[in-house]
Amino acid sequence: MGNKKAVALFFVLLSLGVGVLSGFLNMEAMGQYQVLNRPPLSPPSWVFPVAWTILYILMGIGAAIVYCSNDDKKKEALMLFFIQLAFNFCWSFFYFTFEWRFFAFVWLLFLLILVLAMTKAFGKISPLAARLQIPYILWLCFAAYLNLGTWWLNR
């Protein structure tokens, strides 16, 4: 059981680390979000790190469950996990640092497709691991709305 906890801790810290590193590298550019015209339902800035922390934890737990399984399909599922994590990492650069908001929206749609594929692959191994990704999918849909809305209102 201790090994499973270590694996879970590894995947959670990896996921959180990707988010923290992306946030740190884009921190200076993130301040501009406050001055952008934002679409209705835009949450206050403090919501984003709270939401992402929860999502990265759920993402990491799901990946750990898959990793600890004896299923032959776990390699494919984990590859999708790592690819979507890399896409997730890059989005902040496109949106904040480079201010390529429409490109960031398209990138986010690809990220959503990857997360849906990852969730489907997780589900073949563990329904729980897949269900843990539902908040992530919902948040990405909301983020796509915010991303497209800020692009439209600030173009």
C-alpha atoms as a PDB file:
ATOM      1  CA  MET A   1       0.000   0.000   0.000  1.00  0.00           C
ATOM      2  CA  GLY A   2       2.875   2.380   0.751  1.00  0.00           C
ATOM      3  CA  ASN A   3       4.096   2.073  -2.844  1.00  0.00           C
ATOM      4  CA  LYS A   4       0.690   3.189  -4.152  1.00  0.00           C
ATOM      5  CA  LYS A   5       0.835   6.246  -1.904  1.00  0.00           C
ATOM      6  CA  ALA A   6       4.304   7.085  -3.224  1.00  0.00           C
ATOM      7  CA  VAL A   7       3.091   6.703  -6.807  1.00  0.00           C
ATOM      8  CA  ALA A   8       0.077   8.900  -6.074  1.00  0.00           C
ATOM      9  CA  LEU A   9       2.309  11.505  -4.445  1.00  0.00           C
ATOM     10  CA  PHE A  10       4.643  11.430  -7.454  1.00  0.00           C
ATOM     11  CA  PHE A  11       1.847  11.970 -10.004  1.00  0.00           C
ATOM     12  CA  VAL A  12       0.134  14.646  -7.911  1.00  0.00           C
ATOM     13  CA  LEU A  13       3.416  16.519  -7.386  1.00  0.00           C
ATOM     14  CA  LEU A  14       4.296  16.144 -11.068  1.00  0.00           C
ATOM     15  CA  SER A  15       0.932  17.589 -12.111  1.00  0.00           C
ATOM     16  CA  LEU A  16       1.122  20.396  -9.562  1.00  0.00           C
ATOM     17  CA  GLY A  17       4.734  21.054 -10.524  1.00  0.00           C
ATOM     18  CA  VAL A  18       3.811  21.537 -14.166  1.00  0.00           C
ATOM     19  CA  GLY A  19       1.124  24.027 -13.138  1.00  0.00           C
ATOM     20  CA  VAL A  20       3.373  25.877 -10.702  1.00  0.00           C
ATOM     21  CA  LEU A  21       6.228  26.092 -13.220  1.00  0.00           C
ATOM     22  CA  SER A  22       3.935  27.363 -15.960  1.00  0.00           C
ATOM     23  CA  GLY A  23       2.424  29.907 -13.585  1.00  0.00           C
ATOM     24  CA  PHE A  24       5.852  31.027 -12.373  1.00  0.00           C
ATOM     25  CA  LEU A  25       7.221  31.433 -15.898  1.00  0.00           C
ATOM     26  CA  ASN A  26       4.141  33.411 -16.976  1.00  0.00           C
ATOM     27  CA  MET A  27       3.550  35.296 -13.712  1.00  0.00           C
ATOM     28  CA  GLU A  28       4.588  38.694 -15.013  1.00  0.00           C
ATOM     29  CA  ALA A  29       2.306  38.451 -18.045  1.00  0.00           C
ATOM     30  CA  MET A  30      -0.627  37.126 -15.976  1.00  0.00           C
ATOM     31  CA  GLY A  31      -1.091  40.504 -14.316  1.00  0.00           C
ATOM     32  CA  GLN A  32      -2.470  41.901 -17.559  1.00  0.00           C
ATOM     33  CA  TYR A  33      -5.553  39.665 -17.244  1.00  0.00           C
ATOM     34  CA  GLN A  34      -7.036  42.214 -14.831  1.00  0.00           C
ATOM     35  CA  VAL A  35      -7.074  44.952 -17.468  1.00  0.00           C
ATOM     36  CA  LEU A  36      -8.613  42.848 -20.240  1.00  0.00           C
ATOM     37  CA  ASN A  37     -12.257  43.084 -21.165  1.00  0.00           C
ATOM     38  CA  ARG A  38     -13.667  39.792 -19.935  1.00  0.00           C
ATOM     39  CA  PRO A  39     -16.860  37.929 -20.830  1.00  0.00           C
ATOM     40  CA  PRO A  40     -19.773  37.520 -18.423  1.00  0.00           C
ATOM     41  CA  LEU A  41     -19.268  34.899 -15.683  1.00  0.00           C
ATOM     42  CA  SER A  42     -15.518  35.568 -15.522  1.00  0.00           C
ATOM     43  CA  PRO A  43     -14.429  34.609 -12.002  1.00  0.00           C
ATOM     44  CA  PRO A  44     -12.106  36.717  -9.881  1.00  0.00           C
ATOM     45  CA  SER A  45      -8.409  35.964 -10.338  1.00  0.00           C
ATOM     46  CA  TRP A  46      -8.048  34.057  -7.041  1.00  0.00           C
ATOM     47  CA  VAL A  47     -10.382  31.326  -8.363  1.00  0.00           C
ATOM     48  CA  PHE A  48      -7.910  30.169 -11.012  1.00  0.00           C
ATOM     49  CA  PRO A  49      -5.084  28.910  -8.763  1.00  0.00           C
ATOM     50  CA  VAL A  50      -7.600  27.270  -6.416  1.00  0.00           C
ATOM     51  CA  ALA A  51      -9.399  25.514  -9.286  1.00  0.00           C
ATOM     52  CA  TRP A  52      -6.178  24.451 -10.980  1.00  0.00           C
ATOM     53  CA  THR A  53      -4.721  23.095  -7.746  1.00  0.00           C
ATOM     54  CA  ILE A  54      -7.773  20.867  -7.300  1.00  0.00           C
ATOM     55  CA  LEU A  55      -7.701  19.812 -10.956  1.00  0.00           C
ATOM     56  CA  TYR A  56      -3.994  18.943 -10.887  1.00  0.00           C
ATOM     57  CA  ILE A  57      -4.515  16.857  -7.746  1.00  0.00           C
ATOM     58  CA  LEU A  58      -7.420  14.960  -9.337  1.00  0.00           C
ATOM     59  CA  MET A  59      -5.421  14.539 -12.545  1.00  0.00           C
ATOM     60  CA  GLY A  60      -2.467  13.131 -10.613  1.00  0.00           C
ATOM     61  CA  ILE A  61      -4.609  10.735  -8.585  1.00  0.00           C
ATOM     62  CA  GLY A  62      -6.235   9.460 -11.780  1.00  0.00           C
ATOM     63  CA  ALA A  63      -2.842   8.890 -13.403  1.00  0.00           C
ATOM     64  CA  ALA A  64      -1.582   7.097 -10.287  1.00  0.00           C
ATOM     65  CA  ILE A  65      -4.587   4.771 -10.290  1.00  0.00           C
ATOM     66  CA  VAL A  66      -3.876   3.917 -13.918  1.00  0.00           C
ATOM     67  CA  TYR A  67      -0.149   3.477 -13.276  1.00  0.00           C
ATOM     68  CA  CYS A  68      -0.803   1.084 -10.378  1.00  0.00           C
ATOM     69  CA  SER A  69      -3.155  -1.066 -12.440  1.00  0.00           C
ATOM     70  CA  ASN A  70      -2.094  -4.307 -14.069  1.00  0.00           C
ATOM     71  CA  ASP A  71      -3.858  -3.409 -17.305  1.00  0.00           C
ATOM     72  CA  ASP A  72      -1.957  -3.770 -20.584  1.00  0.00           C
ATOM     73  CA  LYS A  73      -3.521  -0.518 -21.843  1.00  0.00           C
ATOM     74  CA  LYS A  74      -1.983   1.661 -19.138  1.00  0.00           C
ATOM     75  CA  LYS A  75       1.017   2.664 -21.268  1.00  0.00           C
ATOM     76  CA  GLU A  76      -1.240   4.307 -23.888  1.00  0.00           C
ATOM     77  CA  ALA A  77      -3.356   5.983 -21.202  1.00  0.00           C
ATOM     78  CA  LEU A  78      -0.294   7.381 -19.421  1.00  0.00           C
ATOM     79  CA  MET A  79       1.175   8.598 -22.719  1.00  0.00           C
ATOM     80  CA  LEU A  80      -2.013  10.603 -23.235  1.00  0.00           C
ATOM     81  CA  PHE A  81      -1.670  11.907 -19.679  1.00  0.00           C
ATOM     82  CA  PHE A  82       1.853  13.194 -20.350  1.00  0.00           C
ATOM     83  CA  ILE A  83       0.952  14.679 -23.742  1.00  0.00           C
ATOM     84  CA  GLN A  84      -2.057  16.552 -22.346  1.00  0.00           C
ATOM     85  CA  LEU A  85       0.079  17.761 -19.435  1.00  0.00           C
ATOM     86  CA  ALA A  86       2.583  19.212 -21.933  1.00  0.00           C
ATOM     87  CA  PHE A  87      -0.257  20.893 -23.869  1.00  0.00           C
ATOM     88  CA  ASN A  88      -1.619  22.222 -20.593  1.00  0.00           C
ATOM     89  CA  PHE A  89       1.803  23.655 -19.708  1.00  0.00           C
ATOM     90  CA  CYS A  90       2.143  25.481 -23.040  1.00  0.00           C
ATOM     91  CA  TRP A  91      -1.280  27.147 -23.044  1.00  0.00           C
ATOM     92  CA  SER A  92      -0.310  29.866 -20.538  1.00  0.00           C
ATOM     93  CA  PHE A  93       2.592  30.954 -22.729  1.00  0.00           C
ATOM     94  CA  PHE A  94       0.333  31.369 -25.745  1.00  0.00           C
ATOM     95  CA  TYR A  95      -2.416  33.158 -23.833  1.00  0.00           C
ATOM     96  CA  PHE A  96      -0.476  35.339 -21.406  1.00  0.00           C
ATOM     97  CA  THR A  97       3.131  35.784 -22.511  1.00  0.00           C
ATOM     98  CA  PHE A  98       2.702  35.843 -26.298  1.00  0.00           C
ATOM     99  CA  GLU A  99      -0.881  37.218 -26.157  1.00  0.00           C
ATOM    100  CA  TRP A 100      -1.901  34.854 -28.954  1.00  0.00           C
ATOM    101  CA  ARG A 101      -5.399  34.530 -27.551  1.00  0.00           C
ATOM    102  CA  PHE A 102      -7.107  33.006 -30.579  1.00  0.00           C
ATOM    103  CA  PHE A 103      -4.238  30.559 -31.060  1.00  0.00           C
ATOM    104  CA  ALA A 104      -4.485  29.754 -27.334  1.00  0.00           C
ATOM    105  CA  PHE A 105      -8.208  29.033 -27.830  1.00  0.00           C
ATOM    106  CA  VAL A 106      -7.466  26.595 -30.674  1.00  0.00           C
ATOM    107  CA  TRP A 107      -4.684  25.042 -28.561  1.00  0.00           C
ATOM    108  CA  LEU A 108      -7.184  24.674 -25.715  1.00  0.00           C
ATOM    109  CA  LEU A 109      -9.580  22.823 -28.023  1.00  0.00           C
ATOM    110  CA  PHE A 110      -6.779  20.373 -28.864  1.00  0.00           C
ATOM    111  CA  LEU A 111      -6.054  20.060 -25.132  1.00  0.00           C
ATOM    112  CA  LEU A 112      -9.721  19.277 -24.524  1.00  0.00           C
ATOM    113  CA  ILE A 113      -9.637  16.560 -27.211  1.00  0.00           C
ATOM    114  CA  LEU A 114      -6.519  15.084 -25.595  1.00  0.00           C
ATOM    115  CA  VAL A 115      -8.127  15.133 -22.150  1.00  0.00           C
ATOM    116  CA  LEU A 116     -11.256  13.457 -23.513  1.00  0.00           C
ATOM    117  CA  ALA A 117      -9.079  10.765 -25.132  1.00  0.00           C
ATOM    118  CA  MET A 118      -7.104  10.387 -21.892  1.00  0.00           C
ATOM    119  CA  THR A 119     -10.311  10.097 -19.890  1.00  0.00           C
ATOM    120  CA  LYS A 120     -11.648   7.441 -22.256  1.00  0.00           C
ATOM    121  CA  ALA A 121      -8.363   5.523 -21.975  1.00  0.00           C
ATOM    122  CA  PHE A 122      -8.432   5.883 -18.174  1.00  0.00           C
ATOM    123  CA  GLY A 123     -12.026   4.633 -18.159  1.00  0.00           C
ATOM    124  CA  LYS A 124     -11.033   1.392 -19.888  1.00  0.00           C
ATOM    125  CA  ILE A 125      -8.685   0.761 -16.970  1.00  0.00           C
ATOM    126  CA  SER A 126     -10.453   2.377 -14.020  1.00  0.00           C
ATOM    127  CA  PRO A 127     -13.864   4.070 -14.034  1.00  0.00           C
ATOM    128  CA  LEU A 128     -12.775   6.022 -10.940  1.00  0.00           C
ATOM    129  CA  ALA A 129      -9.664   7.392 -12.685  1.00  0.00           C
ATOM    130  CA  ALA A 130     -11.900   8.544 -15.534  1.00  0.00           C
ATOM    131  CA  ARG A 131     -14.520  10.119 -13.262  1.00  0.00           C
ATOM    132  CA  LEU A 132     -11.788  12.101 -11.508  1.00  0.00           C
ATOM    133  CA  GLN A 133     -11.190  13.890 -14.835  1.00  0.00           C
ATOM    134  CA  ILE A 134     -14.765  15.183 -15.187  1.00  0.00           C
ATOM    135  CA  PRO A 135     -14.067  18.439 -13.292  1.00  0.00           C
ATOM    136  CA  TYR A 136     -11.039  18.991 -15.545  1.00  0.00           C
ATOM    137  CA  ILE A 137     -13.138  18.523 -18.675  1.00  0.00           C
ATOM    138  CA  LEU A 138     -15.806  20.894 -17.370  1.00  0.00           C
ATOM    139  CA  TRP A 139     -13.205  23.486 -16.397  1.00  0.00           C
ATOM    140  CA  LEU A 140     -11.567  23.274 -19.828  1.00  0.00           C
ATOM    141  CA  CYS A 141     -14.959  23.918 -21.450  1.00  0.00           C
ATOM    142  CA  PHE A 142     -15.408  26.961 -19.208  1.00  0.00           C
ATOM    143  CA  ALA A 143     -11.814  28.054 -19.896  1.00  0.00           C
ATOM    144  CA  ALA A 144     -12.480  27.790 -23.643  1.00  0.00           C
ATOM    145  CA  TYR A 145     -15.468  30.118 -23.219  1.00  0.00           C
ATOM    146  CA  LEU A 146     -13.344  32.588 -21.220  1.00  0.00           C
ATOM    147  CA  ASN A 147     -10.459  32.329 -23.683  1.00  0.00           C
ATOM    148  CA  LEU A 148     -12.641  32.909 -26.733  1.00  0.00           C
ATOM    149  CA  GLY A 149     -14.550  35.668 -24.951  1.00  0.00           C
ATOM    150  CA  THR A 150     -11.431  37.588 -23.975  1.00  0.00           C
ATOM    151  CA  TRP A 151     -10.046  37.234 -27.487  1.00  0.00           C
ATOM    152  CA  TRP A 152     -13.301  38.523 -28.992  1.00  0.00           C
ATOM    153  CA  LEU A 153     -13.675  41.432 -26.570  1.00  0.00           C
ATOM    154  CA  ASN A 154     -10.028  42.535 -26.893  1.00  0.00           C
ATOM    155  CA  ARG A 155      -9.269  41.977 -30.569  1.00  0.00           C
END
